[in-house]
PDB file of N, CA and C in Angstrom:
ATOM      1  N   MET A   1      -9.922  12.920  -0.120  1.00  0.00           N
ATOM      2  CA  MET A   1      -9.900  11.733   0.422  1.00  0.00           C
ATOM      3  C   MET A   1     -10.540  12.101   1.943  1.00  0.00           C
ATOM      4  N   ASP A   2     -11.349  11.495   2.474  1.00  0.00           N
ATOM      5  CA  ASP A   2     -11.625  11.734   3.890  1.00  0.00           C
ATOM      6  C   ASP A   2     -10.509  10.902   4.992  1.00  0.00           C
ATOM      7  N   THR A   3     -10.511  11.435   6.346  1.00  0.00           N
ATOM      8  CA  THR A   3      -9.725  11.056   7.002  1.00  0.00           C
ATOM      9  C   THR A   3     -10.010   9.294   7.494  1.00  0.00           C
ATOM     10  N   ASP A   4     -11.281   9.339   7.912  1.00  0.00           N
ATOM     11  CA  ASP A   4     -11.340   7.756   7.791  1.00  0.00           C
ATOM     12  C   ASP A   4     -11.081   6.836   6.756  1.00  0.00           C
ATOM     13  N   LEU A   5     -11.373   7.050   5.733  1.00  0.00           N
ATOM     14  CA  LEU A   5     -10.944   6.324   4.363  1.00  0.00           C
ATOM     15  C   LEU A   5      -9.225   6.299   4.559  1.00  0.00           C
ATOM     16  N   ALA A   6      -8.588   7.279   4.700  1.00  0.00           N
ATOM     17  CA  ALA A   6      -7.127   6.908   4.856  1.00  0.00           C
ATOM     18  C   ALA A   6      -6.473   6.504   6.197  1.00  0.00           C
ATOM     19  N   ALA A   7      -7.372   6.465   7.616  1.00  0.00           N
ATOM     20  CA  ALA A   7      -6.973   5.740   8.721  1.00  0.00           C
ATOM     21  C   ALA A   7      -7.228   4.545   8.462  1.00  0.00           C
ATOM     22  N   ARG A   8      -8.344   3.856   7.782  1.00  0.00           N
ATOM     23  CA  ARG A   8      -8.563   2.520   7.345  1.00  0.00           C
ATOM     24  C   ARG A   8      -7.426   1.968   6.266  1.00  0.00           C
ATOM     25  N   GLN A   9      -7.102   2.651   5.560  1.00  0.00           N
ATOM     26  CA  GLN A   9      -5.951   2.221   4.437  1.00  0.00           C
ATOM     27  C   GLN A   9      -4.716   2.092   5.046  1.00  0.00           C
ATOM     28  N   LEU A  10      -4.229   3.321   6.098  1.00  0.00           N
ATOM     29  CA  LEU A  10      -3.204   3.001   6.616  1.00  0.00           C
ATOM     30  C   LEU A  10      -3.139   1.732   7.843  1.00  0.00           C
ATOM     31  N   ALA A  11      -4.408   1.534   8.581  1.00  0.00           N
ATOM     32  CA  ALA A  11      -3.967   0.576   9.394  1.00  0.00           C
ATOM     33  C   ALA A  11      -4.097  -0.961   8.763  1.00  0.00           C
ATOM     34  N   GLU A  12      -4.603  -1.025   7.454  1.00  0.00           N
ATOM     35  CA  GLU A  12      -4.569  -2.202   6.797  1.00  0.00           C
ATOM     36  C   GLU A  12      -2.996  -2.274   6.492  1.00  0.00           C
ATOM     37  N   LEU A  13      -2.503  -1.419   5.884  1.00  0.00           N
ATOM     38  CA  LEU A  13      -0.958  -1.482   5.342  1.00  0.00           C
ATOM     39  C   LEU A  13      -0.041  -1.430   6.417  1.00  0.00           C
ATOM     40  N   GLY A  14      -0.679  -1.221   7.593  1.00  0.00           N
ATOM     41  CA  GLY A  14      -0.148  -1.550   9.226  1.00  0.00           C
ATOM     42  C   GLY A  14       0.473  -2.647   9.527  1.00  0.00           C
ATOM     43  N   ASN A  15      -0.178  -4.076   8.574  1.00  0.00           N
ATOM     44  CA  ASN A  15       0.236  -5.403   8.962  1.00  0.00           C
ATOM     45  C   ASN A  15       1.734  -5.489   7.989  1.00  0.00           C
ATOM     46  N   PRO A  16       2.430  -5.999   8.711  1.00  0.00           N
ATOM     47  CA  PRO A  16       3.554  -6.685   7.701  1.00  0.00           C
ATOM     48  C   PRO A  16       3.610  -7.560   6.333  1.00  0.00           C
ATOM     49  N   HIS A  17       2.728  -8.323   6.392  1.00  0.00           N
ATOM     50  CA  HIS A  17       2.058  -9.269   5.419  1.00  0.00           C
ATOM     51  C   HIS A  17       1.280  -8.285   4.528  1.00  0.00           C
ATOM     52  N   ARG A  18       0.186  -7.383   4.852  1.00  0.00           N
ATOM     53  CA  ARG A  18      -0.002  -6.834   3.621  1.00  0.00           C
ATOM     54  C   ARG A  18       0.540  -5.785   3.219  1.00  0.00           C
ATOM     55  N   LEU A  19       1.485  -5.133   3.788  1.00  0.00           N
ATOM     56  CA  LEU A  19       2.506  -4.236   3.404  1.00  0.00           C
ATOM     57  C   LEU A  19       3.177  -4.774   2.256  1.00  0.00           C
ATOM     58  N   LEU A  20       4.016  -5.907   2.673  1.00  0.00           N
ATOM     59  CA  LEU A  20       4.755  -6.800   1.531  1.00  0.00           C
ATOM     60  C   LEU A  20       3.851  -7.391   0.609  1.00  0.00           C
ATOM     61  N   ALA A  21       2.711  -7.635   0.482  1.00  0.00           N
ATOM     62  CA  ALA A  21       1.640  -8.102  -0.777  1.00  0.00           C
ATOM     63  C   ALA A  21       1.579  -6.721  -1.466  1.00  0.00           C
ATOM     64  N   PHE A  22       0.819  -5.584  -0.823  1.00  0.00           N
ATOM     65  CA  PHE A  22       0.718  -4.617  -1.542  1.00  0.00           C
ATOM     66  C   PHE A  22       1.931  -4.068  -2.225  1.00  0.00           C
ATOM     67  N   ARG A  23       3.315  -3.850  -1.748  1.00  0.00           N
ATOM     68  CA  ARG A  23       4.292  -3.534  -2.229  1.00  0.00           C
ATOM     69  C   ARG A  23       4.536  -4.428  -3.625  1.00  0.00           C
ATOM     70  N   LEU A  24       4.602  -5.727  -3.452  1.00  0.00           N
ATOM     71  CA  LEU A  24       4.621  -6.751  -4.545  1.00  0.00           C
ATOM     72  C   LEU A  24       3.613  -6.476  -5.614  1.00  0.00           C
ATOM     73  N   LEU A  25       2.524  -5.915  -4.945  1.00  0.00           N
ATOM     74  CA  LEU A  25       1.525  -5.915  -6.360  1.00  0.00           C
ATOM     75  C   LEU A  25       1.772  -4.282  -6.927  1.00  0.00           C
ATOM     76  N   VAL A  26       2.380  -3.385  -6.179  1.00  0.00           N
ATOM     77  CA  VAL A  26       2.667  -2.014  -6.811  1.00  0.00           C
ATOM     78  C   VAL A  26       3.991  -2.490  -7.464  1.00  0.00           C
ATOM     79  N   LYS A  27       4.642  -3.182  -7.656  1.00  0.00           N
ATOM     80  CA  LYS A  27       5.886  -3.467  -8.150  1.00  0.00           C
ATOM     81  C   LYS A  27       5.447  -4.126  -9.532  1.00  0.00           C
ATOM     82  N   ALA A  28       4.415  -5.290  -9.280  1.00  0.00           N
ATOM     83  CA  ALA A  28       3.940  -5.791 -10.266  1.00  0.00           C
ATOM     84  C   ALA A  28       3.350  -5.050 -11.731  1.00  0.00           C
ATOM     85  N   GLY A  29       2.921  -3.950 -10.935  1.00  0.00           N
ATOM     86  CA  GLY A  29       2.384  -2.883 -12.378  1.00  0.00           C
ATOM     87  C   GLY A  29       0.896  -3.032 -12.498  1.00  0.00           C
ATOM     88  N   ALA A  30       0.532  -2.744 -13.696  1.00  0.00           N
ATOM     89  CA  ALA A  30      -1.000  -2.615 -14.298  1.00  0.00           C
ATOM     90  C   ALA A  30      -1.484  -4.227 -14.273  1.00  0.00           C
ATOM     91  N   ASP A  31      -0.394  -5.023 -14.902  1.00  0.00           N
ATOM     92  CA  ASP A  31      -1.020  -6.774 -14.937  1.00  0.00           C
ATOM     93  C   ASP A  31      -1.509  -7.360 -13.604  1.00  0.00           C
ATOM     94  N   GLY A  32      -0.679  -7.103 -12.687  1.00  0.00           N
ATOM     95  CA  GLY A  32      -0.899  -7.584 -11.122  1.00  0.00           C
ATOM     96  C   GLY A  32      -0.255  -8.876 -11.209  1.00  0.00           C
ATOM     97  N   LEU A  33      -0.981  -9.826 -10.086  1.00  0.00           N
ATOM     98  CA  LEU A  33      -0.350 -11.208  -9.865  1.00  0.00           C
ATOM     99  C   LEU A  33      -1.383 -11.949  -9.563  1.00  0.00           C
ATOM    100  N   SER A  34      -1.060 -13.185  -9.842  1.00  0.00           N
ATOM    101  CA  SER A  34      -2.202 -14.152  -9.220  1.00  0.00           C
ATOM    102  C   SER A  34      -2.030 -14.240  -7.928  1.00  0.00           C
ATOM    103  N   VAL A  35      -3.191 -15.020  -7.018  1.00  0.00           N
ATOM    104  CA  VAL A  35      -2.895 -15.362  -5.876  1.00  0.00           C
ATOM    105  C   VAL A  35      -1.890 -16.257  -5.408  1.00  0.00           C
ATOM    106  N   GLY A  36      -1.533 -16.979  -6.393  1.00  0.00           N
ATOM    107  CA  GLY A  36      -0.674 -18.052  -6.425  1.00  0.00           C
ATOM    108  C   GLY A  36       0.631 -17.499  -6.568  1.00  0.00           C
ATOM    109  N   GLU A  37       0.760 -16.633  -7.437  1.00  0.00           N
ATOM    110  CA  GLU A  37       1.857 -16.158  -7.618  1.00  0.00           C
ATOM    111  C   GLU A  37       2.248 -15.356  -6.368  1.00  0.00           C
ATOM    112  N   ILE A  38       1.449 -14.612  -5.801  1.00  0.00           N
ATOM    113  CA  ILE A  38       1.717 -13.611  -4.461  1.00  0.00           C
ATOM    114  C   ILE A  38       2.410 -14.502  -3.538  1.00  0.00           C
ATOM    115  N   GLN A  39       1.731 -15.737  -3.477  1.00  0.00           N
ATOM    116  CA  GLN A  39       2.007 -16.852  -2.270  1.00  0.00           C
ATOM    117  C   GLN A  39       3.304 -17.095  -2.716  1.00  0.00           C
ATOM    118  N   GLU A  40       3.685 -17.591  -4.105  1.00  0.00           N
ATOM    119  CA  GLU A  40       5.045 -18.149  -4.103  1.00  0.00           C
ATOM    120  C   GLU A  40       6.025 -17.210  -3.851  1.00  0.00           C
ATOM    121  N   HIS A  41       5.994 -15.542  -3.823  1.00  0.00           N
ATOM    122  CA  HIS A  41       6.887 -14.713  -3.506  1.00  0.00           C
ATOM    123  C   HIS A  41       7.064 -14.726  -1.868  1.00  0.00           C
ATOM    124  N   LEU A  42       5.724 -14.296  -1.505  1.00  0.00           N
ATOM    125  CA  LEU A  42       5.617 -14.192   0.063  1.00  0.00           C
ATOM    126  C   LEU A  42       6.069 -15.382   0.917  1.00  0.00           C
ATOM    127  N   GLN A  43       5.783 -16.577   0.096  1.00  0.00           N
ATOM    128  CA  GLN A  43       6.203 -17.710   1.108  1.00  0.00           C
ATOM    129  C   GLN A  43       5.167 -17.773   2.252  1.00  0.00           C
ATOM    130  N   ILE A  44       3.807 -17.613   2.237  1.00  0.00           N
ATOM    131  CA  ILE A  44       2.918 -17.381   3.721  1.00  0.00           C
ATOM    132  C   ILE A  44       1.920 -18.382   3.342  1.00  0.00           C
ATOM    133  N   PRO A  45       0.795 -18.951   3.852  1.00  0.00           N
ATOM    134  CA  PRO A  45      -0.034 -20.208   3.415  1.00  0.00           C
ATOM    135  C   PRO A  45      -1.218 -19.400   3.104  1.00  0.00           C
ATOM    136  N   GLY A  46      -1.820 -19.929   2.130  1.00  0.00           N
ATOM    137  CA  GLY A  46      -2.958 -19.670   1.146  1.00  0.00           C
ATOM    138  C   GLY A  46      -4.042 -19.061   2.027  1.00  0.00           C
ATOM    139  N   SER A  47      -4.626 -19.696   3.027  1.00  0.00           N
ATOM    140  CA  SER A  47      -5.539 -19.380   3.570  1.00  0.00           C
ATOM    141  C   SER A  47      -5.173 -17.872   4.434  1.00  0.00           C
ATOM    142  N   THR A  48      -3.937 -17.427   5.067  1.00  0.00           N
ATOM    143  CA  THR A  48      -3.417 -17.017   5.462  1.00  0.00           C
ATOM    144  C   THR A  48      -3.340 -15.361   4.605  1.00  0.00           C
ATOM    145  N   LEU A  49      -2.894 -16.003   3.486  1.00  0.00           N
ATOM    146  CA  LEU A  49      -2.647 -14.772   2.454  1.00  0.00           C
ATOM    147  C   LEU A  49      -4.143 -14.009   1.684  1.00  0.00           C
ATOM    148  N   SER A  50      -5.198 -15.167   1.469  1.00  0.00           N
ATOM    149  CA  SER A  50      -6.711 -14.824   1.369  1.00  0.00           C
ATOM    150  C   SER A  50      -7.099 -14.043   2.157  1.00  0.00           C
ATOM    151  N   HIS A  51      -6.751 -14.198   3.424  1.00  0.00           N
ATOM    152  CA  HIS A  51      -7.252 -13.166   4.890  1.00  0.00           C
ATOM    153  C   HIS A  51      -6.503 -11.724   4.154  1.00  0.00           C
ATOM    154  N   HIS A  52      -5.401 -11.736   4.372  1.00  0.00           N
ATOM    155  CA  HIS A  52      -4.580 -10.445   4.060  1.00  0.00           C
ATOM    156  C   HIS A  52      -5.173  -9.444   2.614  1.00  0.00           C
ATOM    157  N   VAL A  53      -5.437 -10.135   1.724  1.00  0.00           N
ATOM    158  CA  VAL A  53      -5.697  -9.644   0.197  1.00  0.00           C
ATOM    159  C   VAL A  53      -7.207  -9.122   0.606  1.00  0.00           C
ATOM    160  N   SER A  54      -7.818 -10.059   1.284  1.00  0.00           N
ATOM    161  CA  SER A  54      -8.959  -9.423   1.285  1.00  0.00           C
ATOM    162  C   SER A  54      -9.303  -8.336   2.190  1.00  0.00           C
ATOM    163  N   ARG A  55      -8.646  -8.037   2.996  1.00  0.00           N
ATOM    164  CA  ARG A  55      -8.551  -7.060   3.988  1.00  0.00           C
ATOM    165  C   ARG A  55      -8.001  -5.707   3.471  1.00  0.00           C
ATOM    166  N   LEU A  56      -7.230  -5.904   2.064  1.00  0.00           N
ATOM    167  CA  LEU A  56      -6.383  -4.978   1.230  1.00  0.00           C
ATOM    168  C   LEU A  56      -7.556  -4.672   0.097  1.00  0.00           C
ATOM    169  N   VAL A  57      -8.437  -5.497  -0.469  1.00  0.00           N
ATOM    170  CA  VAL A  57      -9.819  -5.376  -1.173  1.00  0.00           C
ATOM    171  C   VAL A  57     -10.673  -4.392  -0.540  1.00  0.00           C
ATOM    172  N   TRP A  58     -10.814  -5.044   1.057  1.00  0.00           N
ATOM    173  CA  TRP A  58     -11.852  -4.169   1.623  1.00  0.00           C
ATOM    174  C   TRP A  58     -11.333  -2.323   1.851  1.00  0.00           C
ATOM    175  N   ALA A  59     -10.365  -2.418   2.036  1.00  0.00           N
ATOM    176  CA  ALA A  59      -9.500  -0.913   2.263  1.00  0.00           C
ATOM    177  C   ALA A  59      -9.770  -0.247   0.766  1.00  0.00           C
ATOM    178  N   GLY A  60      -9.872  -0.733  -0.082  1.00  0.00           N
ATOM    179  CA  GLY A  60      -9.803  -0.293  -1.567  1.00  0.00           C
ATOM    180  C   GLY A  60      -8.639  -0.092  -2.213  1.00  0.00           C
ATOM    181  N   LEU A  61      -7.572  -0.863  -1.637  1.00  0.00           N
ATOM    182  CA  LEU A  61      -6.210  -0.699  -1.976  1.00  0.00           C
ATOM    183  C   LEU A  61      -5.888  -1.770  -3.233  1.00  0.00           C
ATOM    184  N   VAL A  62      -6.769  -2.778  -3.222  1.00  0.00           N
ATOM    185  CA  VAL A  62      -6.501  -3.588  -4.202  1.00  0.00           C
ATOM    186  C   VAL A  62      -7.764  -4.047  -4.951  1.00  0.00           C
ATOM    187  N   ASP A  63      -7.738  -4.172  -6.428  1.00  0.00           N
ATOM    188  CA  ASP A  63      -8.685  -4.796  -7.032  1.00  0.00           C
ATOM    189  C   ASP A  63      -8.458  -6.422  -7.483  1.00  0.00           C
ATOM    190  N   GLN A  64      -9.430  -7.067  -7.644  1.00  0.00           N
ATOM    191  CA  GLN A  64      -9.414  -8.568  -7.833  1.00  0.00           C
ATOM    192  C   GLN A  64     -10.241  -8.844  -9.112  1.00  0.00           C
ATOM    193  N   SER A  65      -9.777  -9.512  -9.925  1.00  0.00           N
ATOM    194  CA  SER A  65     -10.690 -10.094 -10.791  1.00  0.00           C
ATOM    195  C   SER A  65     -10.604 -11.473 -11.347  1.00  0.00           C
ATOM    196  N   ARG A  66     -11.838 -12.213 -11.819  1.00  0.00           N
ATOM    197  CA  ARG A  66     -11.628 -13.788 -11.812  1.00  0.00           C
ATOM    198  C   ARG A  66     -11.428 -14.017 -13.300  1.00  0.00           C
ATOM    199  N   GLU A  67     -10.284 -14.548 -13.862  1.00  0.00           N
ATOM    200  CA  GLU A  67      -9.565 -14.942 -14.909  1.00  0.00           C
ATOM    201  C   GLU A  67      -9.936 -16.779 -15.051  1.00  0.00           C
ATOM    202  N   GLY A  68     -11.209 -17.169 -15.323  1.00  0.00           N
ATOM    203  CA  GLY A  68     -11.046 -18.704 -15.281  1.00  0.00           C
ATOM    204  C   GLY A  68     -11.132 -19.124 -13.760  1.00  0.00           C
ATOM    205  N   ARG A  69     -10.252 -19.860 -13.390  1.00  0.00           N
ATOM    206  CA  ARG A  69     -10.004 -20.211 -11.927  1.00  0.00           C
ATOM    207  C   ARG A  69      -9.138 -19.557 -11.239  1.00  0.00           C
ATOM    208  N   THR A  70      -8.317 -18.561 -11.971  1.00  0.00           N
ATOM    209  CA  THR A  70      -7.167 -17.813 -11.208  1.00  0.00           C
ATOM    210  C   THR A  70      -8.190 -16.275 -10.850  1.00  0.00           C
ATOM    211  N   LEU A  71      -7.359 -16.227  -9.613  1.00  0.00           N
ATOM    212  CA  LEU A  71      -8.000 -14.472  -9.018  1.00  0.00           C
ATOM    213  C   LEU A  71      -6.770 -13.905  -9.091  1.00  0.00           C
ATOM    214  N   ARG A  72      -6.939 -12.944 -10.029  1.00  0.00           N
ATOM    215  CA  ARG A  72      -5.888 -11.565 -10.056  1.00  0.00           C
ATOM    216  C   ARG A  72      -5.903 -10.568  -9.280  1.00  0.00           C
ATOM    217  N   CYS A  73      -4.700 -10.379  -8.606  1.00  0.00           N
ATOM    218  CA  CYS A  73      -4.664  -9.011  -7.620  1.00  0.00           C
ATOM    219  C   CYS A  73      -3.833  -7.980  -8.571  1.00  0.00           C
ATOM    220  N   ARG A  74      -4.712  -6.927  -8.180  1.00  0.00           N
ATOM    221  CA  ARG A  74      -3.963  -5.461  -8.957  1.00  0.00           C
ATOM    222  C   ARG A  74      -3.956  -4.563  -7.863  1.00  0.00           C
ATOM    223  N   ALA A  75      -2.857  -3.799  -7.569  1.00  0.00           N
ATOM    224  CA  ALA A  75      -2.894  -2.391  -6.873  1.00  0.00           C
ATOM    225  C   ALA A  75      -3.689  -1.559  -7.615  1.00  0.00           C
ATOM    226  N   ASN A  76      -4.430  -0.835  -6.633  1.00  0.00           N
ATOM    227  CA  ASN A  76      -5.324   0.337  -7.268  1.00  0.00           C
ATOM    228  C   ASN A  76      -4.441   1.528  -6.839  1.00  0.00           C
ATOM    229  N   PHE A  77      -3.689   1.942  -8.125  1.00  0.00           N
ATOM    230  CA  PHE A  77      -3.078   3.073  -8.234  1.00  0.00           C
ATOM    231  C   PHE A  77      -3.683   4.185  -7.833  1.00  0.00           C
ATOM    232  N   ALA A  78      -4.972   4.470  -8.390  1.00  0.00           N
ATOM    233  CA  ALA A  78      -5.597   5.556  -7.627  1.00  0.00           C
ATOM    234  C   ALA A  78      -5.597   5.835  -6.337  1.00  0.00           C
ATOM    235  N   ALA A  79      -5.951   4.875  -5.528  1.00  0.00           N
ATOM    236  CA  ALA A  79      -6.292   4.857  -4.248  1.00  0.00           C
ATOM    237  C   ALA A  79      -4.925   4.882  -3.558  1.00  0.00           C
ATOM    238  N   MET A  80      -3.779   4.643  -3.912  1.00  0.00           N
ATOM    239  CA  MET A  80      -2.332   4.496  -3.525  1.00  0.00           C
ATOM    240  C   MET A  80      -2.261   6.109  -3.709  1.00  0.00           C
ATOM    241  N   HIS A  81      -2.098   6.886  -4.800  1.00  0.00           N
ATOM    242  CA  HIS A  81      -2.299   7.936  -5.124  1.00  0.00           C
ATOM    243  C   HIS A  81      -2.730   9.083  -4.235  1.00  0.00           C
ATOM    244  N   GLY A  82      -4.014   8.878  -4.198  1.00  0.00           N
ATOM    245  CA  GLY A  82      -4.815   9.457  -2.993  1.00  0.00           C
ATOM    246  C   GLY A  82      -4.465   9.508  -1.729  1.00  0.00           C
ATOM    247  N   LEU A  83      -3.931   8.429  -0.982  1.00  0.00           N
ATOM    248  CA  LEU A  83      -3.600   8.439   0.075  1.00  0.00           C
ATOM    249  C   LEU A  83      -2.250   8.869   0.419  1.00  0.00           C
ATOM    250  N   ILE A  84      -1.427   8.875  -0.617  1.00  0.00           N
ATOM    251  CA  ILE A  84      -0.103   9.626  -0.375  1.00  0.00           C
ATOM    252  C   ILE A  84      -0.347  11.215  -0.767  1.00  0.00           C
ATOM    253  N   GLY A  85      -1.206  11.093  -1.624  1.00  0.00           N
ATOM    254  CA  GLY A  85      -1.619  12.913  -1.589  1.00  0.00           C
ATOM    255  C   GLY A  85      -2.136  13.376  -0.584  1.00  0.00           C
ATOM    256  N   PHE A  86      -3.171  12.614   0.288  1.00  0.00           N
ATOM    257  CA  PHE A  86      -3.578  13.210   1.451  1.00  0.00           C
ATOM    258  C   PHE A  86      -2.610  13.429   2.534  1.00  0.00           C
ATOM    259  N   LEU A  87      -1.347  12.475   2.282  1.00  0.00           N
ATOM    260  CA  LEU A  87      -0.376  12.477   3.878  1.00  0.00           C
ATOM    261  C   LEU A  87       0.490  14.005   3.475  1.00  0.00           C
ATOM    262  N   ALA A  88       0.588  13.941   1.956  1.00  0.00           N
ATOM    263  CA  ALA A  88       1.260  15.468   1.872  1.00  0.00           C
ATOM    264  C   ALA A  88       0.489  16.464   1.507  1.00  0.00           C
ATOM    265  N   ASP A  89      -0.916  16.375   1.564  1.00  0.00           N
ATOM    266  CA  ASP A  89      -1.882  17.702   1.185  1.00  0.00           C
ATOM    267  C   ASP A  89      -1.193  18.808   1.676  1.00  0.00           C
ATOM    268  N   GLU A  90      -0.943  19.225   2.879  1.00  0.00           N
ATOM    269  CA  GLU A  90      -0.805  20.011   3.272  1.00  0.00           C
ATOM    270  C   GLU A  90       0.495  20.564   3.865  1.00  0.00           C
ATOM    271  N   CYS A  91       1.361  19.933   3.587  1.00  0.00           N
ATOM    272  CA  CYS A  91       2.979  20.232   3.758  1.00  0.00           C
ATOM    273  C   CYS A  91       3.449  21.554   3.884  1.00  0.00           C
ATOM    274  N   CYS A  92       3.792  22.244   4.559  1.00  0.00           N
ATOM    275  CA  CYS A  92       4.343  23.383   4.572  1.00  0.00           C
ATOM    276  C   CYS A  92       3.140  24.413   4.162  1.00  0.00           C
ATOM    277  N   THR A  93       1.892  24.167   5.181  1.00  0.00           N
ATOM    278  CA  THR A  93       0.890  25.322   5.062  1.00  0.00           C
ATOM    279  C   THR A  93       1.008  26.000   6.257  1.00  0.00           C
ATOM    280  N   GLY A  94       1.931  26.222   6.925  1.00  0.00           N
ATOM    281  CA  GLY A  94       1.527  27.233   8.181  1.00  0.00           C
ATOM    282  C   GLY A  94       1.301  26.744   9.592  1.00  0.00           C
ATOM    283  N   VAL A  95       2.022  25.396   9.897  1.00  0.00           N
ATOM    284  CA  VAL A  95       1.615  25.069  11.362  1.00  0.00           C
ATOM    285  C   VAL A  95       2.932  25.075  11.715  1.00  0.00           C
ATOM    286  N   THR A  96       4.201  24.718  11.070  1.00  0.00           N
ATOM    287  CA  THR A  96       5.519  25.120  11.537  1.00  0.00           C
ATOM    288  C   THR A  96       6.238  26.087  10.756  1.00  0.00           C
ATOM    289  N   THR A  97       7.264  26.847  10.745  1.00  0.00           N
ATOM    290  CA  THR A  97       7.729  27.857  10.324  1.00  0.00           C
ATOM    291  C   THR A  97       8.540  27.592   8.850  1.00  0.00           C
ATOM    292  N   THR A  98       8.925  26.070   9.081  1.00  0.00           N
ATOM    293  CA  THR A  98       9.507  25.666   7.692  1.00  0.00           C
ATOM    294  C   THR A  98       9.156  24.184   7.466  1.00  0.00           C
ATOM    295  N   CYS A  99       9.434  23.684   6.212  1.00  0.00           N
ATOM    296  CA  CYS A  99       9.466  22.109   6.034  1.00  0.00           C
ATOM    297  C   CYS A  99      10.499  21.213   5.678  1.00  0.00           C
ATOM    298  N   ALA A 100      11.516  22.240   5.604  1.00  0.00           N
ATOM    299  CA  ALA A 100      12.984  21.916   5.224  1.00  0.00           C
ATOM    300  C   ALA A 100      13.228  20.846   6.094  1.00  0.00           C
ATOM    301  N   ALA A 101      14.359  19.820   5.347  1.00  0.00           N
ATOM    302  CA  ALA A 101      15.157  18.563   6.013  1.00  0.00           C
ATOM    303  C   ALA A 101      15.911  19.274   6.900  1.00  0.00           C
ATOM    304  N   PRO A 102      16.037  18.986   8.290  1.00  0.00           N
ATOM    305  CA  PRO A 102      17.418  19.285   9.026  1.00  0.00           C
ATOM    306  C   PRO A 102      18.696  19.283   8.311  1.00  0.00           C
ATOM    307  N   ALA A 103      19.410  20.037   8.638  1.00  0.00           N
ATOM    308  CA  ALA A 103      20.715  20.000   8.006  1.00  0.00           C
ATOM    309  C   ALA A 103      21.477  19.055   8.371  1.00  0.00           C
ATOM    310  N   ALA A 104      22.269  18.477   7.203  1.00  0.00           N
ATOM    311  CA  ALA A 104      23.022  17.107   7.804  1.00  0.00           C
ATOM    312  C   ALA A 104      24.266  17.794   8.769  1.00  0.00           C
ATOM    313  N   LYS A 105      24.586  16.522   9.311  1.00  0.00           N
ATOM    314  CA  LYS A 105      25.732  17.236  10.384  1.00  0.00           C
ATOM    315  C   LYS A 105      26.623  16.970   9.664  1.00  0.00           C
ATOM    316  N   ILE A 106      27.642  17.976   9.988  1.00  0.00           N
ATOM    317  CA  ILE A 106      29.118  17.779   9.230  1.00  0.00           C
ATOM    318  C   ILE A 106      30.007  17.165  10.409  1.00  0.00           C
ATOM    319  N   ALA A 107      30.574  16.514   9.783  1.00  0.00           N
ATOM    320  CA  ALA A 107      31.718  15.734  10.832  1.00  0.00           C
ATOM    321  C   ALA A 107      32.869  16.439  11.155  1.00  0.00           C
ATOM    322  N   ALA A 108      33.113  16.670  12.335  1.00  0.00           N
ATOM    323  CA  ALA A 108      34.144  17.440  12.906  1.00  0.00           C
ATOM    324  C   ALA A 108      35.534  16.847  12.594  1.00  0.00           C
ATOM    325  N   PRO A 109      36.453  17.832  12.083  1.00  0.00           N
ATOM    326  CA  PRO A 109      37.879  17.310  11.609  1.00  0.00           C
ATOM    327  C   PRO A 109      38.763  17.154  12.917  1.00  0.00           C
TER     328      PRO A 109
END
């Protein structure tokens, strides 16, 4: 994944409504949800939801398909895994001496 694509995807997920919609679609799995179902879960106006979903589609994080009169949305799991991989790719490759989490503080007696 290139940096420009990762930045675009992260920017779109930086909006709370889009992040909630994307996480909902991830939770829904491969079957996805109709736009109406997403709207029911998130309780936001249809026009607002349409805008947010279109931004997720533009970023490549969501795929849409038409089933009759229903527009079904699905998380693009390959894109999600690609983004996560991009973020973790170079963990512990030498910029710092360690990648270990800081030791937990122990309460004094």
